[in-house]
C-alpha cells in the first residue's frame, strides 16, 4: 500500500468516519442533556484517537515523548464541557478551562534540559495560550457558533497540519492532520444533529487542546523554533470582529463569506511565510 493511500485511509477517512459515527451514536442513544453537551467534543477526541493509533509504530499507546500525550489530553478535554452546563458561573467556567489548560500543558511540554524558555516558564505560557483561545471562543455570541464555525475550526486545524508538515516534519504534520480529519467528521455530523440542537461549544476545548497542542509540538521541534505555527489554532478568534460593530450587521451568505475570508487570511499568510522560509 502506497504512502498516499495509507494517508487517505488512516489519517483522513478513518478519523473522519470515527468522529461522525461517535457523534451520531451519542446523539441517538445518550441522554439528551449529555448528548447536547458532550457529543461533538467526544466525537472529535475519539476520531483523533483512532487516527493517531492507526499511524505507524511512532505513535505508541504508551507515551514516550511529549506529543504522544495528545490523544489522552484530548480525551480529558471532553470533560471541560461540564463548565457549559446551566448554573455554572463565568468564573467557575474559566477555572475549569484553566485546570484543563494546565494539565494539558504539563503533559505536552517536554522535559528537555535545553528547552528555551525552560519548562517552568513554558508550561504556564502554553497553559495561558490554550486558556485564552478556549475561553474567548466559548464566549462568542450564539449566532457565530454554528455549523460554519465548525467548518472554520476544521480549516484552522487543517492549516495547522500544513504548517507543521511544511515547517517541521511530515510525521507531526500527519498527527495534526488526524485532528483536522476528525473535526471534518464533526462538521458532517452536525448536519444530522440539527433537531437535537446540539451545542457546538462542547467541541471547542477538545479542538484547542488537539490543534493547539499539535501546533506547540511543531513550534518547539525545529531550531530556531517556528512560533508562526501557533497562529493557526487561534485564527477563529478573529470572529470577534463580527460580535459587534459594522461587521455584526452582516447576514446570510454575506456574513458566512466574510467570516470565512477573515479566518482564512491569517492562515494563508502563515502558510505562505512558512513555505517561503523552508
C-alpha atoms as a PDB file:
ATOM      1  CA  UNK A   1       0.000   0.000   0.000  1.00  0.00           C
ATOM      2  CA  UNK A   2       1.442   3.375  -1.020  1.00  0.00           C
ATOM      3  CA  UNK A   3       2.038   6.180   1.470  1.00  0.00           C
ATOM      4  CA  UNK A   4      -0.631   8.283  -0.225  1.00  0.00           C
ATOM      5  CA  UNK A   5      -3.274   5.568   0.119  1.00  0.00           C
ATOM      6  CA  UNK A   6      -2.325   4.971   3.756  1.00  0.00           C
ATOM      7  CA  UNK A   7      -2.640   8.693   4.451  1.00  0.00           C
ATOM      8  CA  UNK A   8      -6.045   8.871   2.774  1.00  0.00           C
ATOM      9  CA  UNK A   9      -7.376   5.814   4.599  1.00  0.00           C
ATOM     10  CA  UNK A  10      -5.789   6.004   8.039  1.00  0.00           C
ATOM     11  CA  UNK A  11      -5.166   9.713   8.589  1.00  0.00           C
ATOM     12  CA  UNK A  12      -8.213  11.158   6.806  1.00  0.00           C
ATOM     13  CA  UNK A  13     -11.011   8.640   6.229  1.00  0.00           C
ATOM     14  CA  UNK A  14     -10.720   6.675   9.475  1.00  0.00           C
ATOM     15  CA  UNK A  15     -10.756   9.627  11.941  1.00  0.00           C
ATOM     16  CA  UNK A  16     -13.439  11.391   9.900  1.00  0.00           C
ATOM     17  CA  UNK A  17     -15.717   8.345   9.939  1.00  0.00           C
ATOM     18  CA  UNK A  18     -14.994   7.580  13.604  1.00  0.00           C
ATOM     19  CA  UNK A  19     -15.818  11.139  14.663  1.00  0.00           C
ATOM     20  CA  UNK A  20     -19.038  11.283  12.662  1.00  0.00           C
ATOM     21  CA  UNK A  21     -20.166   7.862  13.912  1.00  0.00           C
ATOM     22  CA  UNK A  22     -19.402   8.750  17.540  1.00  0.00           C
ATOM     23  CA  UNK A  23     -21.389  11.978  17.345  1.00  0.00           C
ATOM     24  CA  UNK A  24     -24.391  10.311  15.752  1.00  0.00           C
ATOM     25  CA  UNK A  25     -24.362   7.365  18.149  1.00  0.00           C
ATOM     26  CA  UNK A  26     -24.179   9.638  21.191  1.00  0.00           C
ATOM     27  CA  UNK A  27     -26.967  11.814  19.832  1.00  0.00           C
ATOM     28  CA  UNK A  28     -29.104   8.728  19.246  1.00  0.00           C
ATOM     29  CA  UNK A  29     -28.516   6.714  22.405  1.00  0.00           C
ATOM     30  CA  UNK A  30     -27.129   9.010  25.118  1.00  0.00           C
ATOM     31  CA  UNK A  31     -29.458  11.025  27.387  1.00  0.00           C
ATOM     32  CA  UNK A  32     -30.363  14.285  25.698  1.00  0.00           C
ATOM     33  CA  UNK A  33     -28.671  16.506  28.274  1.00  0.00           C
ATOM     34  CA  UNK A  34     -25.410  14.601  27.953  1.00  0.00           C
ATOM     35  CA  UNK A  35     -25.532  14.374  24.170  1.00  0.00           C
ATOM     36  CA  UNK A  36     -26.154  18.082  23.814  1.00  0.00           C
ATOM     37  CA  UNK A  37     -23.080  18.961  25.822  1.00  0.00           C
ATOM     38  CA  UNK A  38     -20.599  16.190  25.015  1.00  0.00           C
ATOM     39  CA  UNK A  39     -21.459  14.631  21.639  1.00  0.00           C
ATOM     40  CA  UNK A  40     -19.234  16.697  19.363  1.00  0.00           C
ATOM     41  CA  UNK A  41     -16.352  17.038  21.811  1.00  0.00           C
ATOM     42  CA  UNK A  42     -16.297  13.293  22.452  1.00  0.00           C
ATOM     43  CA  UNK A  43     -16.552  12.686  18.706  1.00  0.00           C
ATOM     44  CA  UNK A  44     -13.526  14.871  17.979  1.00  0.00           C
ATOM     45  CA  UNK A  45     -11.467  13.176  20.706  1.00  0.00           C
ATOM     46  CA  UNK A  46     -12.491   9.697  19.529  1.00  0.00           C
ATOM     47  CA  UNK A  47     -11.829  10.446  15.873  1.00  0.00           C
ATOM     48  CA  UNK A  48      -8.389  11.824  16.640  1.00  0.00           C
ATOM     49  CA  UNK A  49      -7.543   8.832  18.832  1.00  0.00           C
ATOM     50  CA  UNK A  50      -8.474   6.448  16.001  1.00  0.00           C
ATOM     51  CA  UNK A  51      -6.354   8.368  13.515  1.00  0.00           C
ATOM     52  CA  UNK A  52      -3.438   8.611  15.921  1.00  0.00           C
ATOM     53  CA  UNK A  53      -3.415   4.926  16.820  1.00  0.00           C
ATOM     54  CA  UNK A  54      -3.616   3.902  13.156  1.00  0.00           C
ATOM     55  CA  UNK A  55      -0.339   5.644  12.487  1.00  0.00           C
ATOM     56  CA  UNK A  56       2.913   3.725  12.296  1.00  0.00           C
ATOM     57  CA  UNK A  57       4.824   2.479  15.309  1.00  0.00           C
ATOM     58  CA  UNK A  58       5.988   6.032  16.049  1.00  0.00           C
ATOM     59  CA  UNK A  59       2.591   6.714  17.661  1.00  0.00           C
ATOM     60  CA  UNK A  60       2.590   4.279  20.619  1.00  0.00           C
ATOM     61  CA  UNK A  61      -0.236   3.646  23.067  1.00  0.00           C
ATOM     62  CA  UNK A  62       2.102   4.257  25.997  1.00  0.00           C
ATOM     63  CA  UNK A  63       3.508   7.795  25.673  1.00  0.00           C
ATOM     64  CA  UNK A  64       7.260   8.017  25.205  1.00  0.00           C
ATOM     65  CA  UNK A  65       7.508  11.611  24.014  1.00  0.00           C
ATOM     66  CA  UNK A  66       5.628  14.765  24.946  1.00  0.00           C
ATOM     67  CA  UNK A  67       3.366  14.822  21.876  1.00  0.00           C
ATOM     68  CA  UNK A  68       2.337  11.199  22.479  1.00  0.00           C
ATOM     69  CA  UNK A  69       0.038  12.599  25.186  1.00  0.00           C
ATOM     70  CA  UNK A  70      -2.208  14.329  22.618  1.00  0.00           C
ATOM     71  CA  UNK A  71      -4.948  11.637  22.432  1.00  0.00           C
ATOM     72  CA  UNK A  72      -5.103  11.489  26.226  1.00  0.00           C
ATOM     73  CA  UNK A  73      -5.305  15.209  26.895  1.00  0.00           C
ATOM     74  CA  UNK A  74      -7.807  15.410  24.034  1.00  0.00           C
ATOM     75  CA  UNK A  75      -9.990  12.854  25.811  1.00  0.00           C
ATOM     76  CA  UNK A  76      -9.631  14.752  29.086  1.00  0.00           C
ATOM     77  CA  UNK A  77     -10.714  17.959  27.348  1.00  0.00           C
ATOM     78  CA  UNK A  78     -14.154  16.446  26.727  1.00  0.00           C
ATOM     79  CA  UNK A  79     -14.854  16.920  30.442  1.00  0.00           C
ATOM     80  CA  UNK A  80     -14.420  20.680  30.088  1.00  0.00           C
ATOM     81  CA  UNK A  81     -17.983  20.766  28.729  1.00  0.00           C
ATOM     82  CA  UNK A  82     -19.089  20.488  32.364  1.00  0.00           C
ATOM     83  CA  UNK A  83     -18.422  24.203  32.534  1.00  0.00           C
ATOM     84  CA  UNK A  84     -21.025  24.815  29.820  1.00  0.00           C
ATOM     85  CA  UNK A  85     -23.877  23.439  31.923  1.00  0.00           C
ATOM     86  CA  UNK A  86     -26.617  25.728  33.153  1.00  0.00           C
ATOM     87  CA  UNK A  87     -25.920  27.195  36.553  1.00  0.00           C
ATOM     88  CA  UNK A  88     -22.142  27.274  36.135  1.00  0.00           C
ATOM     89  CA  UNK A  89     -20.899  30.816  36.673  1.00  0.00           C
ATOM     90  CA  UNK A  90     -18.389  32.513  34.380  1.00  0.00           C
ATOM     91  CA  UNK A  91     -15.544  32.391  36.962  1.00  0.00           C
ATOM     92  CA  UNK A  92     -16.247  28.691  37.568  1.00  0.00           C
ATOM     93  CA  UNK A  93     -16.200  28.045  33.828  1.00  0.00           C
ATOM     94  CA  UNK A  94     -12.875  29.808  33.356  1.00  0.00           C
ATOM     95  CA  UNK A  95     -11.461  27.979  36.377  1.00  0.00           C
ATOM     96  CA  UNK A  96     -12.346  24.659  34.740  1.00  0.00           C
ATOM     97  CA  UNK A  97     -10.767  25.760  31.461  1.00  0.00           C
ATOM     98  CA  UNK A  98      -7.667  26.884  33.356  1.00  0.00           C
ATOM     99  CA  UNK A  99      -7.342  23.494  35.052  1.00  0.00           C
ATOM    100  CA  UNK A 100      -7.682  21.702  31.709  1.00  0.00           C
ATOM    101  CA  UNK A 101      -5.121  24.005  30.098  1.00  0.00           C
ATOM    102  CA  UNK A 102      -2.641  23.478  32.906  1.00  0.00           C
ATOM    103  CA  UNK A 103      -2.995  19.685  32.811  1.00  0.00           C
ATOM    104  CA  UNK A 104      -2.586  19.653  29.031  1.00  0.00           C
ATOM    105  CA  UNK A 105       0.445  21.945  29.158  1.00  0.00           C
ATOM    106  CA  UNK A 106       2.058  19.897  31.916  1.00  0.00           C
ATOM    107  CA  UNK A 107       1.886  16.771  29.733  1.00  0.00           C
ATOM    108  CA  UNK A 108       2.704  18.384  26.394  1.00  0.00           C
ATOM    109  CA  UNK A 109       5.754  20.413  27.415  1.00  0.00           C
ATOM    110  CA  UNK A 110       8.851  18.191  27.132  1.00  0.00           C
ATOM    111  CA  UNK A 111      11.421  17.605  29.849  1.00  0.00           C
ATOM    112  CA  UNK A 112      14.308  18.740  27.655  1.00  0.00           C
ATOM    113  CA  UNK A 113      17.123  20.237  29.746  1.00  0.00           C
ATOM    114  CA  UNK A 114      17.894  22.757  26.988  1.00  0.00           C
ATOM    115  CA  UNK A 115      14.264  23.811  26.406  1.00  0.00           C
ATOM    116  CA  UNK A 116      14.072  27.577  25.885  1.00  0.00           C
ATOM    117  CA  UNK A 117      12.327  29.125  27.694  1.00  0.00           C
ATOM    118  CA  UNK A 118      12.719  26.495  30.432  1.00  0.00           C
ATOM    119  CA  UNK A 119       9.865  24.187  31.342  1.00  0.00           C
ATOM    120  CA  UNK A 120       8.987  26.256  34.420  1.00  0.00           C
ATOM    121  CA  UNK A 121       8.133  29.139  32.082  1.00  0.00           C
ATOM    122  CA  UNK A 122       6.895  27.165  29.056  1.00  0.00           C
ATOM    123  CA  UNK A 123       4.204  25.277  30.985  1.00  0.00           C
ATOM    124  CA  UNK A 124       2.373  28.457  32.137  1.00  0.00           C
ATOM    125  CA  UNK A 125       2.895  30.074  28.735  1.00  0.00           C
ATOM    126  CA  UNK A 126       1.307  27.142  26.907  1.00  0.00           C
ATOM    127  CA  UNK A 127      -1.461  26.898  29.514  1.00  0.00           C
ATOM    128  CA  UNK A 128      -2.225  30.595  29.059  1.00  0.00           C
ATOM    129  CA  UNK A 129      -2.295  30.183  25.265  1.00  0.00           C
ATOM    130  CA  UNK A 130      -4.759  27.278  25.478  1.00  0.00           C
ATOM    131  CA  UNK A 131      -6.872  29.018  28.117  1.00  0.00           C
ATOM    132  CA  UNK A 132      -7.152  32.255  26.160  1.00  0.00           C
ATOM    133  CA  UNK A 133      -8.291  30.542  22.958  1.00  0.00           C
ATOM    134  CA  UNK A 134     -10.741  28.248  24.785  1.00  0.00           C
ATOM    135  CA  UNK A 135     -12.277  30.993  26.890  1.00  0.00           C
ATOM    136  CA  UNK A 136     -12.668  33.509  24.085  1.00  0.00           C
ATOM    137  CA  UNK A 137     -14.080  31.026  21.575  1.00  0.00           C
ATOM    138  CA  UNK A 138     -16.658  29.659  24.028  1.00  0.00           C
ATOM    139  CA  UNK A 139     -17.718  33.231  24.806  1.00  0.00           C
ATOM    140  CA  UNK A 140     -18.607  34.021  21.171  1.00  0.00           C
ATOM    141  CA  UNK A 141     -22.260  35.001  20.610  1.00  0.00           C
ATOM    142  CA  UNK A 142     -24.624  32.165  19.739  1.00  0.00           C
ATOM    143  CA  UNK A 143     -25.132  33.399  16.184  1.00  0.00           C
ATOM    144  CA  UNK A 144     -21.408  32.895  15.477  1.00  0.00           C
ATOM    145  CA  UNK A 145     -21.204  29.365  16.867  1.00  0.00           C
ATOM    146  CA  UNK A 146     -22.964  27.258  14.253  1.00  0.00           C
ATOM    147  CA  UNK A 147     -22.031  24.821  11.520  1.00  0.00           C
ATOM    148  CA  UNK A 148     -19.961  27.480   9.733  1.00  0.00           C
ATOM    149  CA  UNK A 149     -17.971  27.817  12.950  1.00  0.00           C
ATOM    150  CA  UNK A 150     -17.228  24.072  12.917  1.00  0.00           C
ATOM    151  CA  UNK A 151     -16.069  24.385   9.310  1.00  0.00           C
ATOM    152  CA  UNK A 152     -13.723  27.201  10.323  1.00  0.00           C
ATOM    153  CA  UNK A 153     -12.331  25.142  13.201  1.00  0.00           C
ATOM    154  CA  UNK A 154     -11.720  22.334  10.708  1.00  0.00           C
ATOM    155  CA  UNK A 155      -9.972  24.736   8.335  1.00  0.00           C
ATOM    156  CA  UNK A 156      -7.768  26.066  11.129  1.00  0.00           C
ATOM    157  CA  UNK A 157      -6.869  22.519  12.220  1.00  0.00           C
ATOM    158  CA  UNK A 158      -6.024  21.633   8.604  1.00  0.00           C
ATOM    159  CA  UNK A 159      -3.850  24.738   8.306  1.00  0.00           C
ATOM    160  CA  UNK A 160      -2.074  23.693  11.497  1.00  0.00           C
ATOM    161  CA  UNK A 161      -1.288  20.336   9.889  1.00  0.00           C
ATOM    162  CA  UNK A 162       0.009  22.022   6.735  1.00  0.00           C
ATOM    163  CA  UNK A 163       2.226  24.383   8.727  1.00  0.00           C
ATOM    164  CA  UNK A 164       3.635  21.597  10.874  1.00  0.00           C
ATOM    165  CA  UNK A 165       4.204  19.415   7.819  1.00  0.00           C
ATOM    166  CA  UNK A 166       5.896  22.203   5.887  1.00  0.00           C
ATOM    167  CA  UNK A 167       7.984  23.666   8.663  1.00  0.00           C
ATOM    168  CA  UNK A 168       8.796  20.693  10.865  1.00  0.00           C
ATOM    169  CA  UNK A 169       8.149  17.133   9.676  1.00  0.00           C
ATOM    170  CA  UNK A 170       5.652  15.007   7.850  1.00  0.00           C
ATOM    171  CA  UNK A 171       5.365  12.832  10.940  1.00  0.00           C
ATOM    172  CA  UNK A 172       3.998  15.574  13.209  1.00  0.00           C
ATOM    173  CA  UNK A 173       2.034  17.010  10.300  1.00  0.00           C
ATOM    174  CA  UNK A 174       0.259  13.689   9.905  1.00  0.00           C
ATOM    175  CA  UNK A 175      -0.660  13.705  13.596  1.00  0.00           C
ATOM    176  CA  UNK A 176      -2.138  17.193  13.234  1.00  0.00           C
ATOM    177  CA  UNK A 177      -3.949  16.096  10.069  1.00  0.00           C
ATOM    178  CA  UNK A 178      -5.780  13.405  12.054  1.00  0.00           C
ATOM    179  CA  UNK A 179      -7.240  16.156  14.255  1.00  0.00           C
ATOM    180  CA  UNK A 180      -8.374  18.090  11.184  1.00  0.00           C
ATOM    181  CA  UNK A 181      -9.995  14.978   9.684  1.00  0.00           C
ATOM    182  CA  UNK A 182     -11.830  14.268  12.945  1.00  0.00           C
ATOM    183  CA  UNK A 183     -13.057  17.869  13.003  1.00  0.00           C
ATOM    184  CA  UNK A 184     -14.364  17.366   9.464  1.00  0.00           C
ATOM    185  CA  UNK A 185     -16.294  14.346  10.741  1.00  0.00           C
ATOM    186  CA  UNK A 186     -17.856  16.543  13.429  1.00  0.00           C
ATOM    187  CA  UNK A 187     -18.822  19.067  10.765  1.00  0.00           C
ATOM    188  CA  UNK A 188     -20.507  16.327   8.730  1.00  0.00           C
ATOM    189  CA  UNK A 189     -22.350  15.004  11.785  1.00  0.00           C
ATOM    190  CA  UNK A 190     -23.555  18.492  12.724  1.00  0.00           C
ATOM    191  CA  UNK A 191     -25.916  18.448   9.728  1.00  0.00           C
ATOM    192  CA  UNK A 192     -27.755  15.476  11.244  1.00  0.00           C
ATOM    193  CA  UNK A 193     -27.939  16.882  14.770  1.00  0.00           C
ATOM    194  CA  UNK A 194     -29.972  19.962  13.949  1.00  0.00           C
ATOM    195  CA  UNK A 195     -33.144  18.693  15.636  1.00  0.00           C
ATOM    196  CA  UNK A 196     -31.233  17.928  18.830  1.00  0.00           C
ATOM    197  CA  UNK A 197     -29.826  21.477  18.974  1.00  0.00           C
ATOM    198  CA  UNK A 198     -26.510  20.038  19.998  1.00  0.00           C
ATOM    199  CA  UNK A 199     -24.361  22.910  21.292  1.00  0.00           C
ATOM    200  CA  UNK A 200     -21.124  23.250  19.408  1.00  0.00           C
ATOM    201  CA  UNK A 201     -19.305  24.866  22.311  1.00  0.00           C
ATOM    202  CA  UNK A 202     -18.521  21.433  23.744  1.00  0.00           C
ATOM    203  CA  UNK A 203     -16.274  20.907  20.729  1.00  0.00           C
ATOM    204  CA  UNK A 204     -14.085  23.931  21.482  1.00  0.00           C
ATOM    205  CA  UNK A 205     -11.926  22.698  24.409  1.00  0.00           C
ATOM    206  CA  UNK A 206     -11.047  19.497  22.544  1.00  0.00           C
ATOM    207  CA  UNK A 207     -10.246  21.427  19.362  1.00  0.00           C
ATOM    208  CA  UNK A 208      -7.992  23.835  21.249  1.00  0.00           C
ATOM    209  CA  UNK A 209      -6.061  21.071  23.025  1.00  0.00           C
ATOM    210  CA  UNK A 210      -5.556  18.994  19.861  1.00  0.00           C
ATOM    211  CA  UNK A 211      -4.852  21.778  17.363  1.00  0.00           C
ATOM    212  CA  UNK A 212      -3.045  23.971  19.875  1.00  0.00           C
ATOM    213  CA  UNK A 213      -1.059  21.034  21.241  1.00  0.00           C
ATOM    214  CA  UNK A 214      -0.069  19.945  17.729  1.00  0.00           C
ATOM    215  CA  UNK A 215       0.970  23.497  16.882  1.00  0.00           C
ATOM    216  CA  UNK A 216       3.044  23.736  20.056  1.00  0.00           C
ATOM    217  CA  UNK A 217       4.783  20.423  19.317  1.00  0.00           C
ATOM    218  CA  UNK A 218       5.633  21.722  15.864  1.00  0.00           C
ATOM    219  CA  UNK A 219       6.749  25.099  17.158  1.00  0.00           C
ATOM    220  CA  UNK A 220       9.418  23.795  19.527  1.00  0.00           C
ATOM    221  CA  UNK A 221      10.798  20.945  17.402  1.00  0.00           C
ATOM    222  CA  UNK A 222      12.899  22.893  14.865  1.00  0.00           C
ATOM    223  CA  UNK A 223      15.879  25.152  15.593  1.00  0.00           C
ATOM    224  CA  UNK A 224      15.146  28.000  15.564  1.00  0.00           C
ATOM    225  CA  UNK A 225      11.550  27.471  16.740  1.00  0.00           C
ATOM    226  CA  UNK A 226       8.611  28.370  14.486  1.00  0.00           C
ATOM    227  CA  UNK A 227       6.139  30.354  16.614  1.00  0.00           C
ATOM    228  CA  UNK A 228       4.163  31.322  13.495  1.00  0.00           C
ATOM    229  CA  UNK A 229       2.516  27.873  13.669  1.00  0.00           C
ATOM    230  CA  UNK A 230       0.706  28.994  16.824  1.00  0.00           C
ATOM    231  CA  UNK A 231      -1.338  31.433  14.731  1.00  0.00           C
ATOM    232  CA  UNK A 232      -3.349  28.679  13.045  1.00  0.00           C
ATOM    233  CA  UNK A 233      -5.318  27.273  16.032  1.00  0.00           C
ATOM    234  CA  UNK A 234      -6.040  30.830  17.190  1.00  0.00           C
ATOM    235  CA  UNK A 235      -7.293  32.059  13.793  1.00  0.00           C
ATOM    236  CA  UNK A 236     -11.030  31.619  14.652  1.00  0.00           C
ATOM    237  CA  UNK A 237     -10.611  34.330  17.303  1.00  0.00           C
ATOM    238  CA  UNK A 238     -10.955  36.898  14.512  1.00  0.00           C
ATOM    239  CA  UNK A 239     -14.677  36.054  14.561  1.00  0.00           C
ATOM    240  CA  UNK A 240     -14.903  38.508  17.455  1.00  0.00           C
ATOM    241  CA  UNK A 241     -14.812  41.187  14.747  1.00  0.00           C
ATOM    242  CA  UNK A 242     -18.355  40.054  13.940  1.00  0.00           C
ATOM    243  CA  UNK A 243     -19.613  40.181  17.525  1.00  0.00           C
ATOM    244  CA  UNK A 244     -20.289  43.919  17.477  1.00  0.00           C
ATOM    245  CA  UNK A 245     -19.923  46.924  15.225  1.00  0.00           C
ATOM    246  CA  UNK A 246     -20.490  47.229  11.469  1.00  0.00           C
ATOM    247  CA  UNK A 247     -19.479  43.639  10.652  1.00  0.00           C
ATOM    248  CA  UNK A 248     -22.056  42.298  13.095  1.00  0.00           C
ATOM    249  CA  UNK A 249     -24.818  43.599  10.818  1.00  0.00           C
ATOM    250  CA  UNK A 250     -23.889  41.195   8.026  1.00  0.00           C
ATOM    251  CA  UNK A 251     -26.436  38.450   7.494  1.00  0.00           C
ATOM    252  CA  UNK A 252     -26.836  35.268   5.471  1.00  0.00           C
ATOM    253  CA  UNK A 253     -24.351  34.320   2.743  1.00  0.00           C
ATOM    254  CA  UNK A 254     -22.558  37.666   3.019  1.00  0.00           C
ATOM    255  CA  UNK A 255     -21.798  37.033   6.692  1.00  0.00           C
ATOM    256  CA  UNK A 256     -20.613  33.476   6.019  1.00  0.00           C
ATOM    257  CA  UNK A 257     -18.356  34.582   3.163  1.00  0.00           C
ATOM    258  CA  UNK A 258     -16.883  37.432   5.199  1.00  0.00           C
ATOM    259  CA  UNK A 259     -16.197  35.197   8.188  1.00  0.00           C
ATOM    260  CA  UNK A 260     -14.528  32.559   6.024  1.00  0.00           C
ATOM    261  CA  UNK A 261     -12.308  35.121   4.314  1.00  0.00           C
ATOM    262  CA  UNK A 262     -11.342  36.769   7.606  1.00  0.00           C
ATOM    263  CA  UNK A 263     -10.318  33.472   9.188  1.00  0.00           C
ATOM    264  CA  UNK A 264      -8.597  32.187   6.047  1.00  0.00           C
ATOM    265  CA  UNK A 265      -6.445  35.292   5.550  1.00  0.00           C
ATOM    266  CA  UNK A 266      -4.049  34.819   8.514  1.00  0.00           C
ATOM    267  CA  UNK A 267      -3.891  31.107   7.748  1.00  0.00           C
ATOM    268  CA  UNK A 268      -2.843  31.717   4.147  1.00  0.00           C
ATOM    269  CA  UNK A 269      -0.265  34.296   5.227  1.00  0.00           C
ATOM    270  CA  UNK A 270       1.220  31.898   7.769  1.00  0.00           C
ATOM    271  CA  UNK A 271       1.371  29.045   5.237  1.00  0.00           C
ATOM    272  CA  UNK A 272       2.971  31.265   2.566  1.00  0.00           C
ATOM    273  CA  UNK A 273       5.507  32.623   5.080  1.00  0.00           C
ATOM    274  CA  UNK A 274       6.430  29.113   6.213  1.00  0.00           C
ATOM    275  CA  UNK A 275       6.638  27.734   2.678  1.00  0.00           C
ATOM    276  CA  UNK A 276       8.915  30.560   1.541  1.00  0.00           C
ATOM    277  CA  UNK A 277      11.134  30.081   4.563  1.00  0.00           C
ATOM    278  CA  UNK A 278      11.703  26.357   4.036  1.00  0.00           C
END
